[in-house]
Amino acid sequence: MAIHQNAGPLTFGEIANPGVVVVERYRELLADDFAQLAGFTAATVAEFTRDGSAGWELREMLRGFDSNPVDFMAEMGTIGE
């Protein structure tokens, strides 16, 4: 996720009550208040993977970025490399 930047850099710490909740039906899979991401403008929160024989697996991976939205999309894909 990335913060829409209108008038200049805005971080998660400058937003009232930032956070994320990931749910499956009524079950909460992940929740975070972004306290550790306060200085960042974008973040990844989780990765969903699936192999051929098993169901989906969630891997929590809170990671902050200071990039613009275009660069963030490129950087986000390099997390596991």
C-alpha atoms as a PDB file:
ATOM      1  CA  MET A   1       0.000   0.000   0.000  1.00  0.00           C
ATOM      2  CA  ALA A   2       1.102   3.539  -0.683  1.00  0.00           C
ATOM      3  CA  ILE A   3      -0.048   6.900   0.605  1.00  0.00           C
ATOM      4  CA  HIS A   4      -1.451   9.179  -2.084  1.00  0.00           C
ATOM      5  CA  GLN A   5       0.936  12.133  -2.174  1.00  0.00           C
ATOM      6  CA  ASN A   6      -0.863  15.369  -3.089  1.00  0.00           C
ATOM      7  CA  ALA A   7       1.186  18.254  -1.735  1.00  0.00           C
ATOM      8  CA  GLY A   8       4.431  16.590  -0.735  1.00  0.00           C
ATOM      9  CA  PRO A   9       5.740  13.662   1.290  1.00  0.00           C
ATOM     10  CA  LEU A  10       3.268  12.318   3.840  1.00  0.00           C
ATOM     11  CA  THR A  11       4.220   9.416   6.111  1.00  0.00           C
ATOM     12  CA  PHE A  12       2.095   6.892   7.989  1.00  0.00           C
ATOM     13  CA  GLY A  13       3.044   8.682  11.212  1.00  0.00           C
ATOM     14  CA  GLU A  14       1.358  11.848   9.949  1.00  0.00           C
ATOM     15  CA  ILE A  15      -1.973  10.101   9.300  1.00  0.00           C
ATOM     16  CA  ALA A  16      -4.568   9.724  12.040  1.00  0.00           C
ATOM     17  CA  ASN A  17      -5.030   6.068  13.020  1.00  0.00           C
ATOM     18  CA  PRO A  18      -3.185   4.334  10.175  1.00  0.00           C
ATOM     19  CA  GLY A  19      -3.303   0.563  10.016  1.00  0.00           C
ATOM     20  CA  VAL A  20      -4.325  -2.532   8.181  1.00  0.00           C
ATOM     21  CA  VAL A  21      -6.519  -5.549   8.854  1.00  0.00           C
ATOM     22  CA  VAL A  22      -6.514  -8.603   6.576  1.00  0.00           C
ATOM     23  CA  VAL A  23      -9.474 -10.953   7.019  1.00  0.00           C
ATOM     24  CA  GLU A  24     -10.791 -14.130   5.491  1.00  0.00           C
ATOM     25  CA  ARG A  25     -14.548 -14.259   5.921  1.00  0.00           C
ATOM     26  CA  TYR A  26     -14.854 -13.431   9.640  1.00  0.00           C
ATOM     27  CA  ARG A  27     -11.378 -14.562  10.713  1.00  0.00           C
ATOM     28  CA  GLU A  28      -8.688 -11.937  11.246  1.00  0.00           C
ATOM     29  CA  LEU A  29      -5.438 -13.053   9.622  1.00  0.00           C
ATOM     30  CA  LEU A  30      -3.311  -9.966  10.272  1.00  0.00           C
ATOM     31  CA  ALA A  31      -3.699  -6.619  12.018  1.00  0.00           C
ATOM     32  CA  ASP A  32      -1.155  -3.866  12.532  1.00  0.00           C
ATOM     33  CA  ASP A  33      -1.277  -0.204  13.618  1.00  0.00           C
ATOM     34  CA  PHE A  34       1.757   0.778  11.485  1.00  0.00           C
ATOM     35  CA  ALA A  35       3.614   2.121  14.545  1.00  0.00           C
ATOM     36  CA  GLN A  36       6.862   0.598  13.256  1.00  0.00           C
ATOM     37  CA  LEU A  37       6.199   2.118   9.813  1.00  0.00           C
ATOM     38  CA  ALA A  38       5.574   5.691  11.000  1.00  0.00           C
ATOM     39  CA  GLY A  39       8.423   7.195   8.955  1.00  0.00           C
ATOM     40  CA  PHE A  40       7.503   5.571   5.649  1.00  0.00           C
ATOM     41  CA  THR A  41       5.293   6.574   2.715  1.00  0.00           C
ATOM     42  CA  ALA A  42       4.515   3.049   1.468  1.00  0.00           C
ATOM     43  CA  ALA A  43       4.518  -0.497   2.830  1.00  0.00           C
ATOM     44  CA  THR A  44       4.017  -4.140   2.095  1.00  0.00           C
ATOM     45  CA  VAL A  45       2.071  -5.996   4.752  1.00  0.00           C
ATOM     46  CA  ALA A  46       1.795  -9.602   3.569  1.00  0.00           C
ATOM     47  CA  GLU A  47       2.534 -12.080   0.847  1.00  0.00           C
ATOM     48  CA  PHE A  48       0.124 -14.788  -0.224  1.00  0.00           C
ATOM     49  CA  THR A  49       1.638 -17.867  -1.850  1.00  0.00           C
ATOM     50  CA  ARG A  50       0.263 -21.166  -3.068  1.00  0.00           C
ATOM     51  CA  ASP A  51       1.858 -24.333  -4.312  1.00  0.00           C
ATOM     52  CA  GLY A  52       0.122 -26.878  -6.516  1.00  0.00           C
ATOM     53  CA  SER A  53      -0.992 -29.254  -3.758  1.00  0.00           C
ATOM     54  CA  ALA A  54      -1.784 -26.963  -0.824  1.00  0.00           C
ATOM     55  CA  GLY A  55      -4.051 -24.035  -0.160  1.00  0.00           C
ATOM     56  CA  TRP A  56      -3.036 -20.435   0.168  1.00  0.00           C
ATOM     57  CA  GLU A  57      -0.476 -19.441   2.793  1.00  0.00           C
ATOM     58  CA  LEU A  58      -0.144 -15.987   4.341  1.00  0.00           C
ATOM     59  CA  ARG A  59       3.271 -14.692   5.285  1.00  0.00           C
ATOM     60  CA  GLU A  60       3.243 -11.463   7.299  1.00  0.00           C
ATOM     61  CA  MET A  61       5.967  -9.141   6.068  1.00  0.00           C
ATOM     62  CA  LEU A  62       5.660  -5.569   7.296  1.00  0.00           C
ATOM     63  CA  ARG A  63       8.242  -3.563   5.397  1.00  0.00           C
ATOM     64  CA  GLY A  64       8.343   0.207   4.901  1.00  0.00           C
ATOM     65  CA  PHE A  65       9.440   2.135   1.827  1.00  0.00           C
ATOM     66  CA  ASP A  66      10.281   5.811   1.240  1.00  0.00           C
ATOM     67  CA  SER A  67       9.777   5.767  -2.506  1.00  0.00           C
ATOM     68  CA  ASN A  68       7.308   7.308  -4.876  1.00  0.00           C
ATOM     69  CA  PRO A  69       4.463   5.012  -6.020  1.00  0.00           C
ATOM     70  CA  VAL A  70       6.158   3.972  -9.289  1.00  0.00           C
ATOM     71  CA  ASP A  71       9.455   3.047  -7.617  1.00  0.00           C
ATOM     72  CA  PHE A  72       7.577   1.372  -4.757  1.00  0.00           C
ATOM     73  CA  MET A  73       5.909  -1.036  -7.190  1.00  0.00           C
ATOM     74  CA  ALA A  74       9.321  -2.052  -8.575  1.00  0.00           C
ATOM     75  CA  GLU A  75      10.915  -2.384  -5.116  1.00  0.00           C
ATOM     76  CA  MET A  76       7.986  -4.332  -3.682  1.00  0.00           C
ATOM     77  CA  GLY A  77       8.665  -7.190  -6.094  1.00  0.00           C
ATOM     78  CA  THR A  78      12.258  -7.603  -4.897  1.00  0.00           C
ATOM     79  CA  ILE A  79      11.488  -8.423  -1.258  1.00  0.00           C
ATOM     80  CA  GLY A  80      12.069 -12.164  -1.521  1.00  0.00           C
ATOM     81  CA  GLU A  81      15.051 -11.967  -3.864  1.00  0.00           C
END
